[in-house]
């Protein structure tokens, strides 16, 4: 049996993929054109923050989600 709202485009798998692609494109354009206006110095500390912050944020989000499901 299918879900009653499955015909709505943005709730399907294709809609989710389209939303992610559009968000990625907007983020890419924002970084390309607005990124150089940010005065972030190229230091080892800033590089480490840029590399490790996504992993840290994802691990915190997953840990919180796991804690919520207990």
N, C-alpha and C. Protein backbone atom coordinates (compact mmCIF):
# COMPACT_ATOMS: atom_id res chain seq x y z
N UNK A 1 0.84 -1.18 0.00
CA UNK A 1 0.00 0.00 0.00
C UNK A 1 0.88 1.24 0.00
N UNK A 2 0.57 2.16 -0.87
CA UNK A 2 1.37 3.38 -0.99
C UNK A 2 0.91 4.42 0.00
N UNK A 3 1.84 5.28 0.34
CA UNK A 3 1.54 6.39 1.23
C UNK A 3 0.63 7.37 0.49
N UNK A 4 -0.41 7.93 1.14
CA UNK A 4 -1.36 8.80 0.43
C UNK A 4 -0.73 10.05 -0.16
N UNK A 5 0.32 10.59 0.45
CA UNK A 5 0.94 11.81 -0.07
C UNK A 5 2.15 11.51 -0.95
N UNK A 6 2.32 10.27 -1.38
CA UNK A 6 3.52 9.89 -2.15
C UNK A 6 3.54 10.57 -3.51
N UNK A 7 2.43 11.05 -4.00
CA UNK A 7 2.40 11.72 -5.31
C UNK A 7 2.97 13.12 -5.26
N UNK A 8 3.12 13.68 -4.10
CA UNK A 8 3.69 15.02 -4.00
C UNK A 8 5.17 14.94 -4.32
N UNK A 9 5.62 15.77 -5.27
CA UNK A 9 6.98 15.64 -5.82
C UNK A 9 8.06 15.85 -4.78
N UNK A 10 7.94 16.88 -3.95
CA UNK A 10 9.01 17.20 -3.03
C UNK A 10 9.10 16.24 -1.85
N UNK A 11 8.19 15.31 -1.74
CA UNK A 11 8.26 14.31 -0.69
C UNK A 11 8.79 12.98 -1.20
N UNK A 12 9.10 12.90 -2.48
CA UNK A 12 9.63 11.66 -3.04
C UNK A 12 11.14 11.69 -2.98
N UNK A 13 11.74 10.58 -3.34
CA UNK A 13 13.20 10.49 -3.36
C UNK A 13 13.79 11.45 -4.40
N UNK A 14 13.13 11.56 -5.54
CA UNK A 14 13.61 12.48 -6.57
C UNK A 14 13.53 13.93 -6.08
N UNK A 15 12.51 14.25 -5.34
CA UNK A 15 12.38 15.59 -4.79
C UNK A 15 13.47 15.89 -3.78
N UNK A 16 13.80 14.90 -2.96
CA UNK A 16 14.87 15.08 -1.98
C UNK A 16 16.20 15.31 -2.69
N UNK A 17 16.47 14.51 -3.72
CA UNK A 17 17.72 14.68 -4.48
C UNK A 17 17.76 16.05 -5.13
N UNK A 18 16.64 16.49 -5.68
CA UNK A 18 16.59 17.81 -6.31
C UNK A 18 16.84 18.92 -5.28
N UNK A 19 16.25 18.80 -4.10
CA UNK A 19 16.47 19.80 -3.06
C UNK A 19 17.94 19.85 -2.65
N UNK A 20 18.57 18.70 -2.50
CA UNK A 20 19.98 18.66 -2.12
C UNK A 20 20.85 19.26 -3.21
N UNK A 21 20.56 18.96 -4.47
CA UNK A 21 21.34 19.52 -5.58
C UNK A 21 21.19 21.04 -5.66
N UNK A 22 19.99 21.54 -5.46
CA UNK A 22 19.77 23.00 -5.50
C UNK A 22 20.49 23.67 -4.33
N UNK A 23 20.41 23.09 -3.15
CA UNK A 23 21.10 23.65 -1.99
C UNK A 23 22.61 23.65 -2.21
N UNK A 24 23.14 22.57 -2.78
CA UNK A 24 24.58 22.49 -3.06
C UNK A 24 24.99 23.54 -4.08
N UNK A 25 24.18 23.76 -5.10
CA UNK A 25 24.50 24.77 -6.12
C UNK A 25 24.48 26.17 -5.52
N UNK A 26 23.49 26.46 -4.70
CA UNK A 26 23.40 27.78 -4.06
C UNK A 26 24.60 28.00 -3.13
N UNK A 27 24.95 26.98 -2.37
CA UNK A 27 26.10 27.09 -1.48
C UNK A 27 27.39 27.27 -2.27
N UNK A 28 27.52 26.57 -3.38
CA UNK A 28 28.71 26.69 -4.22
C UNK A 28 28.85 28.10 -4.79
N UNK A 29 27.75 28.65 -5.29
CA UNK A 29 27.78 30.02 -5.83
C UNK A 29 28.09 31.02 -4.73
N UNK A 30 27.52 30.83 -3.55
CA UNK A 30 27.79 31.73 -2.43
C UNK A 30 29.26 31.69 -2.04
N UNK A 31 29.84 30.51 -2.00
CA UNK A 31 31.26 30.40 -1.65
C UNK A 31 32.12 31.03 -2.74
N UNK A 32 31.77 30.81 -3.99
CA UNK A 32 32.59 31.32 -5.10
C UNK A 32 32.59 32.84 -5.15
N UNK A 33 31.42 33.45 -4.99
CA UNK A 33 31.33 34.89 -5.18
C UNK A 33 31.40 35.71 -3.90
N UNK A 34 30.96 35.14 -2.78
CA UNK A 34 30.99 35.89 -1.53
C UNK A 34 32.14 35.46 -0.61
N UNK A 35 32.70 34.30 -0.86
CA UNK A 35 33.79 33.80 -0.04
C UNK A 35 35.02 34.69 -0.02
N UNK A 36 35.47 35.19 -1.17
CA UNK A 36 36.67 36.04 -1.16
C UNK A 36 36.50 37.33 -0.36
N UNK A 37 35.28 37.77 -0.14
CA UNK A 37 35.09 38.99 0.64
C UNK A 37 35.29 38.76 2.14
N UNK A 38 35.29 37.49 2.56
CA UNK A 38 35.55 37.17 3.96
C UNK A 38 37.06 37.21 4.19
N UNK A 39 37.48 37.93 5.20
CA UNK A 39 38.90 38.07 5.48
C UNK A 39 39.34 36.99 6.46
N UNK A 40 39.42 35.74 5.97
CA UNK A 40 39.86 34.63 6.80
C UNK A 40 41.31 34.33 6.44
N UNK A 41 42.23 34.53 7.36
CA UNK A 41 43.64 34.28 7.04
C UNK A 41 43.92 32.78 6.88
N UNK A 42 44.86 32.48 6.01
CA UNK A 42 45.23 31.09 5.74
C UNK A 42 46.24 30.63 6.80
N UNK A 43 45.73 30.18 7.93
CA UNK A 43 46.60 29.71 9.02
C UNK A 43 46.33 28.23 9.25
N UNK A 44 47.28 27.54 9.87
CA UNK A 44 47.04 26.12 10.18
C UNK A 44 45.82 25.90 11.08
N UNK A 45 45.59 26.81 12.00
CA UNK A 45 44.43 26.69 12.89
C UNK A 45 43.13 26.75 12.11
N UNK A 46 43.02 27.70 11.19
CA UNK A 46 41.81 27.82 10.39
C UNK A 46 41.63 26.60 9.48
N UNK A 47 42.71 26.05 8.96
CA UNK A 47 42.63 24.84 8.14
C UNK A 47 42.12 23.67 8.97
N UNK A 48 42.63 23.52 10.18
CA UNK A 48 42.16 22.43 11.04
C UNK A 48 40.69 22.59 11.41
N UNK A 49 40.28 23.81 11.65
CA UNK A 49 38.86 24.06 11.94
C UNK A 49 38.00 23.69 10.74
N UNK A 50 38.43 24.06 9.55
CA UNK A 50 37.67 23.75 8.34
C UNK A 50 37.60 22.25 8.07
N UNK A 51 38.67 21.54 8.40
CA UNK A 51 38.70 20.10 8.14
C UNK A 51 37.91 19.32 9.18
N UNK A 52 38.05 19.67 10.44
CA UNK A 52 37.46 18.86 11.51
C UNK A 52 36.06 19.29 11.94
N UNK A 53 35.63 20.49 11.62
CA UNK A 53 34.31 20.92 12.09
C UNK A 53 33.15 20.12 11.49
N UNK A 54 33.14 19.75 10.21
CA UNK A 54 32.02 18.92 9.73
C UNK A 54 31.94 17.57 10.44
N UNK A 55 33.09 16.93 10.67
CA UNK A 55 33.10 15.65 11.35
C UNK A 55 32.63 15.80 12.79
N UNK A 56 33.08 16.83 13.45
CA UNK A 56 32.68 17.07 14.83
C UNK A 56 31.19 17.36 14.93
N UNK A 57 30.68 18.20 14.03
CA UNK A 57 29.25 18.51 14.06
C UNK A 57 28.40 17.28 13.78
N UNK A 58 28.82 16.45 12.82
CA UNK A 58 28.05 15.25 12.51
C UNK A 58 28.09 14.25 13.67
N UNK A 59 29.25 14.10 14.29
CA UNK A 59 29.33 13.18 15.43
C UNK A 59 28.48 13.68 16.60
N UNK A 60 28.46 14.97 16.83
CA UNK A 60 27.60 15.52 17.89
C UNK A 60 26.12 15.31 17.56
N UNK A 61 25.75 15.54 16.31
CA UNK A 61 24.35 15.35 15.91
C UNK A 61 23.93 13.89 16.05
N UNK A 62 24.80 12.96 15.65
CA UNK A 62 24.46 11.54 15.77
C UNK A 62 24.43 11.09 17.22
N UNK A 63 25.33 11.61 18.03
CA UNK A 63 25.32 11.27 19.45
C UNK A 63 24.05 11.79 20.11
N UNK A 64 23.65 13.00 19.78
CA UNK A 64 22.42 13.57 20.35
C UNK A 64 21.21 12.76 19.90
N UNK A 65 21.19 12.37 18.64
CA UNK A 65 20.07 11.58 18.12
C UNK A 65 20.01 10.22 18.82
N UNK A 66 21.17 9.60 19.03
CA UNK A 66 21.21 8.33 19.74
C UNK A 66 20.75 8.47 21.17
N UNK A 67 21.13 9.58 21.80
CA UNK A 67 20.70 9.82 23.16
C UNK A 67 19.20 10.05 23.25
N UNK A 68 18.62 10.70 22.23
CA UNK A 68 17.19 10.96 22.21
C UNK A 68 16.39 9.68 22.01
N UNK A 69 16.95 8.68 21.34
CA UNK A 69 16.22 7.44 21.06
C UNK A 69 16.25 6.45 22.20
N UNK A 70 17.00 6.73 23.26
CA UNK A 70 17.05 5.82 24.40
C UNK A 70 15.77 5.78 25.14
